[in-house]
Amino acid sequence: MDNDFTLIEQVNDDIKTLKTVLKKYPFDLEVMEKLFYNMITLYIDKINYISDGFKLVSSFESSAQKTEVYRSNLEILLKRLESFKDNGYTNENLEYYYLNKEKSIESNSFELLNEARRYFTECENLSPSEKGECIYYVDKIEEIFIMPITKKEKWELLRPVVYWLSGRDYESAVKIIEILALIK
């Protein structure tokens, strides 16, 4: 129990620290780098999925690029710590909590999906079989978007759609690309 209390205090303190550093030192590479490595080392074995979605830092990048990567990773870390706190400082169902909090598709995005279906249904330039195929892929994309999986896993499932898309006409491809841009 004492250990749980220490973790709670640590998470709360680190949330404050992250907010302060991101506000006061957003362009300081040394500060960002040190804080990132300290925090990831502290939490990697304590909080599930804490590092999902982090960007990699390349030694070939400029200082400004490295700083941007660390800033982005610290922003993700802050969101994850806040989610862990909101989830009652527990790893139980944390993945689903992340996915619900960091929604993959917003309600107004469903309007865009329906708009694409209408477009393909009414499109005079497509044959009936092409219309059906396009609507099938819009439905497939929607299925993948609402799955309780990570963005990386969704992208892996969407790769065949992108391959299929490369053989479509420009107008159809643009409609599908608009939908693919919804993934978060």
N, C-alpha and C. Protein backbone atom coordinates (compact mmCIF):
# COMPACT_ATOMS: atom_id res chain seq x y z
N MET A 1 0.83 -1.20 0.00
CA MET A 1 0.00 0.00 0.00
C MET A 1 0.86 1.25 0.00
N ASP A 2 1.95 1.22 0.79
CA ASP A 2 2.88 2.35 0.83
C ASP A 2 3.46 2.62 -0.56
N ASN A 3 3.76 1.53 -1.27
CA ASN A 3 4.33 1.64 -2.61
C ASN A 3 3.33 2.31 -3.56
N ASP A 4 2.02 1.97 -3.44
CA ASP A 4 0.98 2.59 -4.26
C ASP A 4 0.90 4.09 -3.98
N PHE A 5 0.99 4.47 -2.71
CA PHE A 5 0.93 5.87 -2.33
C PHE A 5 2.11 6.64 -2.93
N THR A 6 3.28 6.03 -2.92
CA THR A 6 4.46 6.66 -3.51
C THR A 6 4.28 6.86 -5.00
N LEU A 7 3.70 5.87 -5.70
CA LEU A 7 3.46 5.99 -7.13
C LEU A 7 2.46 7.11 -7.41
N ILE A 8 1.43 7.21 -6.61
CA ILE A 8 0.43 8.27 -6.77
C ILE A 8 1.09 9.64 -6.63
N GLU A 9 1.90 9.80 -5.58
CA GLU A 9 2.61 11.07 -5.38
C GLU A 9 3.54 11.37 -6.55
N GLN A 10 4.26 10.35 -7.00
CA GLN A 10 5.20 10.51 -8.10
C GLN A 10 4.49 10.94 -9.38
N VAL A 11 3.39 10.29 -9.71
CA VAL A 11 2.63 10.62 -10.92
C VAL A 11 2.14 12.07 -10.83
N ASN A 12 1.56 12.45 -9.69
CA ASN A 12 1.06 13.82 -9.54
C ASN A 12 2.18 14.84 -9.67
N ASP A 13 3.32 14.58 -9.04
CA ASP A 13 4.47 15.49 -9.15
C ASP A 13 4.98 15.58 -10.59
N ASP A 14 5.04 14.44 -11.25
CA ASP A 14 5.57 14.43 -12.61
C ASP A 14 4.63 15.09 -13.61
N ILE A 15 3.34 15.01 -13.37
CA ILE A 15 2.39 15.74 -14.22
C ILE A 15 2.67 17.24 -14.12
N LYS A 16 2.86 17.72 -12.90
CA LYS A 16 3.17 19.14 -12.69
C LYS A 16 4.50 19.51 -13.35
N THR A 17 5.51 18.66 -13.18
CA THR A 17 6.83 18.91 -13.76
C THR A 17 6.74 18.98 -15.29
N LEU A 18 6.04 18.03 -15.87
CA LEU A 18 5.90 18.01 -17.33
C LEU A 18 5.22 19.28 -17.84
N LYS A 19 4.16 19.68 -17.19
CA LYS A 19 3.46 20.90 -17.60
C LYS A 19 4.38 22.12 -17.51
N THR A 20 5.14 22.19 -16.43
CA THR A 20 6.07 23.31 -16.24
C THR A 20 7.15 23.33 -17.31
N VAL A 21 7.78 22.19 -17.53
CA VAL A 21 8.88 22.11 -18.50
C VAL A 21 8.38 22.40 -19.91
N LEU A 22 7.23 21.84 -20.27
CA LEU A 22 6.69 22.07 -21.61
C LEU A 22 6.34 23.54 -21.83
N LYS A 23 5.99 24.23 -20.75
CA LYS A 23 5.66 25.65 -20.86
C LYS A 23 6.90 26.54 -20.83
N LYS A 24 7.82 26.26 -19.91
CA LYS A 24 8.99 27.14 -19.71
C LYS A 24 10.17 26.83 -20.63
N TYR A 25 10.35 25.57 -21.01
CA TYR A 25 11.55 25.17 -21.77
C TYR A 25 11.21 24.39 -23.03
N PRO A 26 10.26 24.85 -23.84
CA PRO A 26 9.84 24.04 -24.99
C PRO A 26 10.90 23.88 -26.08
N PHE A 27 11.95 24.69 -26.04
CA PHE A 27 12.98 24.61 -27.07
C PHE A 27 14.36 24.26 -26.52
N ASP A 28 14.42 23.80 -25.29
CA ASP A 28 15.68 23.45 -24.65
C ASP A 28 15.92 21.94 -24.78
N LEU A 29 16.79 21.57 -25.70
CA LEU A 29 17.05 20.16 -25.99
C LEU A 29 17.53 19.41 -24.75
N GLU A 30 18.49 19.97 -24.03
CA GLU A 30 19.05 19.27 -22.87
C GLU A 30 17.99 18.98 -21.80
N VAL A 31 17.16 19.98 -21.52
CA VAL A 31 16.12 19.82 -20.50
C VAL A 31 15.11 18.76 -20.95
N MET A 32 14.68 18.86 -22.21
CA MET A 32 13.69 17.91 -22.74
C MET A 32 14.24 16.48 -22.74
N GLU A 33 15.45 16.32 -23.22
CA GLU A 33 16.05 15.00 -23.33
C GLU A 33 16.22 14.35 -21.95
N LYS A 34 16.76 15.11 -21.01
CA LYS A 34 16.99 14.58 -19.66
C LYS A 34 15.67 14.18 -19.00
N LEU A 35 14.68 15.05 -19.10
CA LEU A 35 13.39 14.76 -18.48
C LEU A 35 12.75 13.53 -19.12
N PHE A 36 12.82 13.45 -20.44
CA PHE A 36 12.22 12.31 -21.13
C PHE A 36 12.84 10.99 -20.65
N TYR A 37 14.16 10.91 -20.66
CA TYR A 37 14.81 9.66 -20.26
C TYR A 37 14.60 9.33 -18.79
N ASN A 38 14.58 10.35 -17.94
CA ASN A 38 14.30 10.10 -16.52
C ASN A 38 12.90 9.52 -16.32
N MET A 39 11.93 10.12 -17.00
CA MET A 39 10.55 9.69 -16.79
C MET A 39 10.26 8.35 -17.45
N ILE A 40 10.78 8.13 -18.63
CA ILE A 40 10.49 6.86 -19.30
C ILE A 40 11.14 5.72 -18.52
N THR A 41 12.32 5.96 -17.97
CA THR A 41 12.98 4.94 -17.16
C THR A 41 12.17 4.64 -15.90
N LEU A 42 11.58 5.67 -15.33
CA LEU A 42 10.78 5.51 -14.11
C LEU A 42 9.49 4.74 -14.37
N TYR A 43 8.82 5.02 -15.49
CA TYR A 43 7.47 4.50 -15.69
C TYR A 43 7.35 3.32 -16.65
N ILE A 44 8.36 3.00 -17.41
CA ILE A 44 8.24 1.97 -18.44
C ILE A 44 7.77 0.63 -17.88
N ASP A 45 8.18 0.29 -16.68
CA ASP A 45 7.78 -0.99 -16.07
C ASP A 45 6.61 -0.85 -15.10
N LYS A 46 6.13 0.37 -14.90
CA LYS A 46 5.06 0.57 -13.93
C LYS A 46 3.71 0.86 -14.58
N ILE A 47 3.72 1.52 -15.74
CA ILE A 47 2.47 1.91 -16.39
C ILE A 47 2.41 1.28 -17.77
N ASN A 48 1.40 0.44 -17.98
CA ASN A 48 1.24 -0.24 -19.26
C ASN A 48 1.04 0.76 -20.40
N TYR A 49 1.62 0.43 -21.55
CA TYR A 49 1.43 1.18 -22.80
C TYR A 49 1.94 2.62 -22.73
N ILE A 50 2.74 2.94 -21.75
CA ILE A 50 3.20 4.32 -21.57
C ILE A 50 4.00 4.82 -22.76
N SER A 51 4.70 3.93 -23.43
CA SER A 51 5.58 4.37 -24.53
C SER A 51 4.97 4.19 -25.91
N ASP A 52 3.74 3.70 -26.00
CA ASP A 52 3.12 3.53 -27.31
C ASP A 52 3.00 4.87 -28.02
N GLY A 53 3.43 4.89 -29.25
CA GLY A 53 3.30 6.10 -30.07
C GLY A 53 4.45 7.07 -29.97
N PHE A 54 5.48 6.74 -29.20
CA PHE A 54 6.64 7.64 -29.12
C PHE A 54 7.37 7.67 -30.45
N LYS A 55 7.90 8.83 -30.76
CA LYS A 55 8.73 8.98 -31.96
C LYS A 55 10.17 8.64 -31.60
N LEU A 56 10.91 8.19 -32.59
CA LEU A 56 12.31 7.86 -32.37
C LEU A 56 13.19 9.06 -32.66
N VAL A 57 14.26 9.19 -31.89
CA VAL A 57 15.21 10.28 -32.08
C VAL A 57 16.40 9.72 -32.86
N SER A 58 16.72 10.39 -33.94
CA SER A 58 17.85 9.96 -34.77
C SER A 58 19.05 10.85 -34.50
N SER A 59 20.22 10.23 -34.48
CA SER A 59 21.44 11.02 -34.28
C SER A 59 21.74 11.91 -35.48
N PHE A 60 21.06 11.67 -36.59
CA PHE A 60 21.29 12.46 -37.80
C PHE A 60 20.40 13.71 -37.86
N GLU A 61 19.50 13.86 -36.90
CA GLU A 61 18.61 15.01 -36.89
C GLU A 61 19.31 16.23 -36.28
N SER A 62 18.82 17.40 -36.68
CA SER A 62 19.35 18.64 -36.11
C SER A 62 18.86 18.77 -34.66
N SER A 63 19.46 19.69 -33.93
CA SER A 63 19.03 19.91 -32.53
C SER A 63 17.57 20.32 -32.47
N ALA A 64 17.14 21.15 -33.41
CA ALA A 64 15.74 21.59 -33.43
C ALA A 64 14.80 20.40 -33.66
N GLN A 65 15.19 19.49 -34.56
CA GLN A 65 14.36 18.31 -34.84
C GLN A 65 14.32 17.39 -33.62
N LYS A 66 15.47 17.20 -32.99
CA LYS A 66 15.51 16.35 -31.79
C LYS A 66 14.63 16.95 -30.69
N THR A 67 14.72 18.26 -30.51
CA THR A 67 13.92 18.93 -29.50
C THR A 67 12.43 18.72 -29.77
N GLU A 68 12.03 18.83 -31.02
CA GLU A 68 10.63 18.62 -31.39
C GLU A 68 10.17 17.20 -31.08
N VAL A 69 11.03 16.22 -31.34
CA VAL A 69 10.69 14.83 -31.05
C VAL A 69 10.54 14.63 -29.54
N TYR A 70 11.48 15.16 -28.77
CA TYR A 70 11.37 15.02 -27.30
C TYR A 70 10.14 15.75 -26.77
N ARG A 71 9.85 16.93 -27.31
CA ARG A 71 8.67 17.68 -26.87
C ARG A 71 7.40 16.86 -27.17
N SER A 72 7.32 16.31 -28.36
CA SER A 72 6.17 15.49 -28.75
C SER A 72 6.03 14.28 -27.83
N ASN A 73 7.14 13.62 -27.54
CA ASN A 73 7.12 12.45 -26.65
C ASN A 73 6.72 12.84 -25.23
N LEU A 74 7.17 13.99 -24.77
CA LEU A 74 6.80 14.44 -23.43
C LEU A 74 5.31 14.79 -23.37
N GLU A 75 4.77 15.32 -24.45
CA GLU A 75 3.34 15.62 -24.49
C GLU A 75 2.52 14.32 -24.43
N ILE A 76 2.99 13.30 -25.14
CA ILE A 76 2.33 11.99 -25.07
C ILE A 76 2.43 11.44 -23.66
N LEU A 77 3.62 11.53 -23.08
CA LEU A 77 3.85 11.04 -21.72
C LEU A 77 2.92 11.75 -20.73
N LEU A 78 2.76 13.06 -20.88
CA LEU A 78 1.87 13.82 -20.02
C LEU A 78 0.43 13.31 -20.15
N LYS A 79 -0.03 13.10 -21.38
CA LYS A 79 -1.39 12.58 -21.58
C LYS A 79 -1.55 11.21 -20.95
N ARG A 80 -0.51 10.38 -21.09
CA ARG A 80 -0.60 9.03 -20.54
C ARG A 80 -0.61 9.05 -19.01
N LEU A 81 0.19 9.92 -18.41
CA LEU A 81 0.18 10.02 -16.95
C LEU A 81 -1.16 10.54 -16.45
N GLU A 82 -1.72 11.52 -17.16
CA GLU A 82 -3.04 12.04 -16.78
C GLU A 82 -4.11 10.96 -16.93
N SER A 83 -4.00 10.16 -17.98
CA SER A 83 -4.95 9.05 -18.18
C SER A 83 -4.80 8.01 -17.07
N PHE A 84 -3.56 7.70 -16.72
CA PHE A 84 -3.31 6.75 -15.62
C PHE A 84 -3.94 7.27 -14.33
N LYS A 85 -3.77 8.56 -14.07
CA LYS A 85 -4.36 9.17 -12.89
C LYS A 85 -5.89 9.10 -12.95
N ASP A 86 -6.46 9.48 -14.11
CA ASP A 86 -7.91 9.45 -14.28
C ASP A 86 -8.48 8.03 -14.18
N ASN A 87 -7.65 7.04 -14.48
CA ASN A 87 -8.06 5.64 -14.41
C ASN A 87 -7.88 5.08 -12.99
N GLY A 88 -7.63 5.94 -12.04
CA GLY A 88 -7.50 5.50 -10.65
C GLY A 88 -6.14 4.96 -10.30
N TYR A 89 -5.11 5.40 -11.02
CA TYR A 89 -3.72 4.98 -10.77
C TYR A 89 -3.57 3.46 -10.87
N THR A 90 -4.27 2.87 -11.82
CA THR A 90 -4.20 1.42 -11.99
C THR A 90 -4.01 1.07 -13.46
N ASN A 91 -3.38 -0.06 -13.70
CA ASN A 91 -3.20 -0.55 -15.07
C ASN A 91 -4.41 -1.34 -15.56
N GLU A 92 -5.33 -1.64 -14.65
CA GLU A 92 -6.50 -2.43 -15.01
C GLU A 92 -7.34 -1.68 -16.05
N ASN A 93 -7.55 -2.32 -17.19
CA ASN A 93 -8.32 -1.75 -18.31
C ASN A 93 -7.72 -0.45 -18.84
N LEU A 94 -6.45 -0.23 -18.61
CA LEU A 94 -5.82 1.02 -19.01
C LEU A 94 -5.80 1.19 -20.53
N GLU A 95 -5.55 0.11 -21.26
CA GLU A 95 -5.51 0.22 -22.72
C GLU A 95 -6.85 0.72 -23.25
N TYR A 96 -7.93 0.19 -22.73
CA TYR A 96 -9.26 0.63 -23.17
C TYR A 96 -9.53 2.07 -22.73
N TYR A 97 -9.01 2.43 -21.58
CA TYR A 97 -9.17 3.80 -21.11
C TYR A 97 -8.45 4.76 -22.06
N TYR A 98 -7.20 4.42 -22.43
CA TYR A 98 -6.45 5.25 -23.40
C TYR A 98 -7.23 5.38 -24.69
N LEU A 99 -7.71 4.24 -25.17
CA LEU A 99 -8.40 4.25 -26.46
C LEU A 99 -9.69 5.05 -26.39
N ASN A 100 -10.41 4.98 -25.30
CA ASN A 100 -11.63 5.77 -25.17
C ASN A 100 -11.33 7.25 -25.00
N LYS A 101 -10.28 7.55 -24.26
CA LYS A 101 -9.94 8.95 -24.04
C LYS A 101 -9.33 9.58 -25.29
N GLU A 102 -8.47 8.84 -25.94
CA GLU A 102 -7.83 9.31 -27.16
C GLU A 102 -8.62 8.73 -28.33
N LYS A 103 -9.86 9.15 -28.47
CA LYS A 103 -10.78 8.54 -29.44
C LYS A 103 -10.17 8.51 -30.83
N SER A 104 -10.37 7.38 -31.48
CA SER A 104 -9.86 7.18 -32.82
C SER A 104 -10.70 7.90 -33.86
N ILE A 105 -11.95 8.04 -33.56
CA ILE A 105 -12.84 8.69 -34.51
C ILE A 105 -13.90 9.46 -33.73
N GLU A 106 -14.08 10.71 -34.05
CA GLU A 106 -15.03 11.55 -33.34
C GLU A 106 -16.39 11.41 -34.00
N SER A 107 -17.44 11.79 -33.28
CA SER A 107 -18.79 11.60 -33.79
C SER A 107 -19.02 12.35 -35.10
N ASN A 108 -18.48 13.56 -35.25
CA ASN A 108 -18.68 14.28 -36.50
C ASN A 108 -17.91 13.63 -37.65
N SER A 109 -16.98 12.75 -37.34
CA SER A 109 -16.26 12.02 -38.37
C SER A 109 -17.16 10.99 -39.03
N PHE A 110 -18.15 10.51 -38.30
CA PHE A 110 -19.10 9.58 -38.89
C PHE A 110 -19.88 10.26 -40.02
N GLU A 111 -20.08 11.57 -39.89
CA GLU A 111 -20.74 12.31 -40.96
C GLU A 111 -19.90 12.26 -42.24
N LEU A 112 -18.58 12.35 -42.09
CA LEU A 112 -17.70 12.28 -43.26
C LEU A 112 -17.76 10.88 -43.89
N LEU A 113 -17.84 9.86 -43.08
CA LEU A 113 -17.98 8.50 -43.60
C LEU A 113 -19.29 8.36 -44.37
N ASN A 114 -20.37 8.87 -43.80
CA ASN A 114 -21.67 8.80 -44.48
C ASN A 114 -21.69 9.64 -45.75
N GLU A 115 -21.02 10.78 -45.70
CA GLU A 115 -20.90 11.63 -46.89
C GLU A 115 -20.16 10.88 -48.01
N ALA A 116 -19.12 10.15 -47.66
CA ALA A 116 -18.37 9.38 -48.65
C ALA A 116 -19.26 8.28 -49.24
N ARG A 117 -20.04 7.62 -48.39
CA ARG A 117 -20.95 6.58 -48.90
C ARG A 117 -21.95 7.18 -49.89
N ARG A 118 -22.52 8.35 -49.54
CA ARG A 118 -23.45 9.03 -50.44
C ARG A 118 -22.77 9.39 -51.76
N TYR A 119 -21.55 9.92 -51.65
CA TYR A 119 -20.80 10.31 -52.84
C TYR A 119 -20.64 9.12 -53.79
N PHE A 120 -20.22 7.97 -53.24
CA PHE A 120 -19.99 6.80 -54.09
C PHE A 120 -21.30 6.24 -54.63
N THR A 121 -22.36 6.33 -53.84
CA THR A 121 -23.66 5.85 -54.30
C THR A 121 -24.16 6.68 -55.48
N GLU A 122 -23.96 7.99 -55.41
CA GLU A 122 -24.49 8.91 -56.41
C GLU A 122 -23.52 9.21 -57.55
N CYS A 123 -22.28 8.76 -57.45
CA CYS A 123 -21.26 9.08 -58.45
C CYS A 123 -21.61 8.46 -59.80
N GLU A 124 -21.72 9.30 -60.83
CA GLU A 124 -22.09 8.84 -62.16
C GLU A 124 -20.90 8.28 -62.94
N ASN A 125 -19.70 8.58 -62.50
CA ASN A 125 -18.49 8.14 -63.20
C ASN A 125 -18.09 6.70 -62.85
N LEU A 126 -18.75 6.11 -61.87
CA LEU A 126 -18.40 4.76 -61.43
C LEU A 126 -19.46 3.75 -61.86
N SER A 127 -19.01 2.58 -62.21
CA SER A 127 -19.94 1.50 -62.53
C SER A 127 -20.56 0.99 -61.23
N PRO A 128 -21.66 0.25 -61.30
CA PRO A 128 -22.26 -0.29 -60.07
C PRO A 128 -21.28 -1.13 -59.25
N SER A 129 -20.45 -1.93 -59.92
CA SER A 129 -19.50 -2.76 -59.16
C SER A 129 -18.42 -1.89 -58.50
N GLU A 130 -17.99 -0.81 -59.17
CA GLU A 130 -16.99 0.10 -58.57
C GLU A 130 -17.60 0.84 -57.38
N LYS A 131 -18.86 1.23 -57.51
CA LYS A 131 -19.54 1.89 -56.39
C LYS A 131 -19.58 0.96 -55.18
N GLY A 132 -19.98 -0.28 -55.43
CA GLY A 132 -20.06 -1.26 -54.34
C GLY A 132 -18.70 -1.49 -53.70
N GLU A 133 -17.67 -1.54 -54.52
CA GLU A 133 -16.31 -1.76 -54.00
C GLU A 133 -15.88 -0.58 -53.13
N CYS A 134 -16.14 0.63 -53.59
CA CYS A 134 -15.75 1.82 -52.82
C CYS A 134 -16.50 1.87 -51.49
N ILE A 135 -17.79 1.58 -51.50
CA ILE A 135 -18.58 1.59 -50.27
C ILE A 135 -18.10 0.48 -49.33
N TYR A 136 -17.74 -0.67 -49.89
CA TYR A 136 -17.20 -1.76 -49.09
C TYR A 136 -15.95 -1.28 -48.33
N TYR A 137 -15.05 -0.55 -49.01
CA TYR A 137 -13.83 -0.10 -48.35
C TYR A 137 -14.10 1.02 -47.34
N VAL A 138 -15.10 1.86 -47.59
CA VAL A 138 -15.48 2.86 -46.58
C VAL A 138 -15.95 2.13 -45.32
N ASP A 139 -16.78 1.10 -45.49
CA ASP A 139 -17.25 0.31 -44.35
C ASP A 139 -16.09 -0.37 -43.63
N LYS A 140 -15.15 -0.90 -44.40
CA LYS A 140 -13.98 -1.57 -43.83
C LYS A 140 -13.16 -0.59 -42.99
N ILE A 141 -12.97 0.61 -43.52
CA ILE A 141 -12.22 1.65 -42.80
C ILE A 141 -12.92 1.98 -41.48
N GLU A 142 -14.24 2.13 -41.54
CA GLU A 142 -14.99 2.43 -40.32
C GLU A 142 -14.84 1.31 -39.29
N GLU A 143 -14.91 0.07 -39.73
CA GLU A 143 -14.72 -1.07 -38.83
C GLU A 143 -13.38 -0.99 -38.11
N ILE A 144 -12.35 -0.69 -38.87
CA ILE A 144 -11.00 -0.62 -38.30
C ILE A 144 -10.87 0.56 -37.33
N PHE A 145 -11.46 1.71 -37.70
CA PHE A 145 -11.38 2.88 -36.84
C PHE A 145 -11.99 2.65 -35.47
N ILE A 146 -13.06 1.91 -35.39
CA ILE A 146 -13.73 1.76 -34.10
C ILE A 146 -13.21 0.59 -33.28
N MET A 147 -12.25 -0.14 -33.81
CA MET A 147 -11.65 -1.24 -33.05
C MET A 147 -10.85 -0.70 -31.86
N PRO A 148 -10.91 -1.36 -30.72
CA PRO A 148 -10.15 -0.91 -29.54
C PRO A 148 -8.69 -1.38 -29.61
N ILE A 149 -7.97 -0.87 -30.62
CA ILE A 149 -6.56 -1.21 -30.81
C ILE A 149 -5.78 0.08 -31.00
N THR A 150 -4.47 -0.03 -30.97
CA THR A 150 -3.63 1.16 -31.09
C THR A 150 -3.62 1.67 -32.53
N LYS A 151 -3.17 2.91 -32.68
CA LYS A 151 -3.07 3.53 -33.99
C LYS A 151 -2.15 2.73 -34.91
N LYS A 152 -1.07 2.23 -34.37
CA LYS A 152 -0.12 1.44 -35.16
C LYS A 152 -0.79 0.17 -35.68
N GLU A 153 -1.55 -0.50 -34.83
CA GLU A 153 -2.25 -1.71 -35.25
C GLU A 153 -3.31 -1.39 -36.31
N LYS A 154 -3.98 -0.25 -36.15
CA LYS A 154 -4.97 0.16 -37.16
C LYS A 154 -4.29 0.40 -38.50
N TRP A 155 -3.14 1.05 -38.47
CA TRP A 155 -2.43 1.32 -39.71
C TRP A 155 -2.06 0.02 -40.42
N GLU A 156 -1.64 -0.96 -39.66
CA GLU A 156 -1.30 -2.26 -40.26
C GLU A 156 -2.52 -2.86 -40.96
N LEU A 157 -3.68 -2.74 -40.35
CA LEU A 157 -4.91 -3.25 -40.95
C LEU A 157 -5.36 -2.43 -42.15
N LEU A 158 -4.96 -1.16 -42.19
CA LEU A 158 -5.38 -0.28 -43.29
C LEU A 158 -4.45 -0.35 -44.51
N ARG A 159 -3.30 -0.96 -44.38
CA ARG A 159 -2.36 -1.04 -45.50
C ARG A 159 -2.99 -1.63 -46.78
N PRO A 160 -3.76 -2.72 -46.70
CA PRO A 160 -4.38 -3.24 -47.92
C PRO A 160 -5.34 -2.23 -48.57
N VAL A 161 -5.99 -1.42 -47.75
CA VAL A 161 -6.88 -0.38 -48.28
C VAL A 161 -6.07 0.64 -49.07
N VAL A 162 -4.92 1.02 -48.54
CA VAL A 162 -4.07 1.99 -49.23
C VAL A 162 -3.57 1.41 -50.55
N TYR A 163 -3.23 0.14 -50.54
CA TYR A 163 -2.79 -0.52 -51.77
C TYR A 163 -3.93 -0.51 -52.79
N TRP A 164 -5.13 -0.88 -52.36
CA TRP A 164 -6.29 -0.86 -53.25
C TRP A 164 -6.53 0.54 -53.78
N LEU A 165 -6.38 1.52 -52.91
CA LEU A 165 -6.62 2.92 -53.25
C LEU A 165 -5.72 3.41 -54.37
N SER A 166 -4.51 2.88 -54.44
CA SER A 166 -3.55 3.34 -55.46
C SER A 166 -4.03 3.06 -56.88
N GLY A 167 -4.99 2.17 -57.04
CA GLY A 167 -5.51 1.86 -58.37
C GLY A 167 -6.81 2.58 -58.70
N ARG A 168 -7.27 3.46 -57.84
CA ARG A 168 -8.55 4.16 -58.05
C ARG A 168 -8.33 5.47 -58.80
N ASP A 169 -9.44 6.02 -59.31
CA ASP A 169 -9.39 7.33 -59.96
C ASP A 169 -9.16 8.42 -58.90
N TYR A 170 -8.77 9.59 -59.35
CA TYR A 170 -8.39 10.68 -58.46
C TYR A 170 -9.50 11.05 -57.47
N GLU A 171 -10.73 11.28 -57.97
CA GLU A 171 -11.83 11.73 -57.11
C GLU A 171 -12.14 10.69 -56.02
N SER A 172 -12.18 9.43 -56.41
CA SER A 172 -12.46 8.38 -55.43
C SER A 172 -11.34 8.30 -54.40
N ALA A 173 -10.10 8.39 -54.88
CA ALA A 173 -8.95 8.31 -53.98
C ALA A 173 -8.97 9.44 -52.96
N VAL A 174 -9.30 10.64 -53.40
CA VAL A 174 -9.33 11.79 -52.49
C VAL A 174 -10.38 11.58 -51.40
N LYS A 175 -11.56 11.07 -51.77
CA LYS A 175 -12.61 10.81 -50.77
C LYS A 175 -12.11 9.81 -49.72
N ILE A 176 -11.45 8.76 -50.15
CA ILE A 176 -10.95 7.74 -49.22
C ILE A 176 -9.81 8.31 -48.37
N ILE A 177 -8.94 9.10 -48.97
CA ILE A 177 -7.83 9.70 -48.22
C ILE A 177 -8.36 10.61 -47.11
N GLU A 178 -9.43 11.36 -47.40
CA GLU A 178 -10.05 12.21 -46.37
C GLU A 178 -10.46 11.36 -45.16
N ILE A 179 -10.99 10.19 -45.44
CA ILE A 179 -11.42 9.30 -44.36
C ILE A 179 -10.21 8.73 -43.61
N LEU A 180 -9.18 8.34 -44.35
CA LEU A 180 -7.98 7.80 -43.71
C LEU A 180 -7.33 8.83 -42.79
N ALA A 181 -7.47 10.10 -43.13
CA ALA A 181 -6.89 11.17 -42.32
C ALA A 181 -7.56 11.27 -40.95
N LEU A 182 -8.70 10.61 -40.77
CA LEU A 182 -9.41 10.66 -39.49
C LEU A 182 -8.74 9.85 -38.40
N ILE A 183 -7.90 8.90 -38.78
CA ILE A 183 -7.28 8.04 -37.77
C ILE A 183 -6.40 8.89 -36.85
N LYS A 184 -6.56 8.63 -35.57
CA LYS A 184 -5.80 9.39 -34.57
C LYS A 184 -5.21 8.43 -33.58
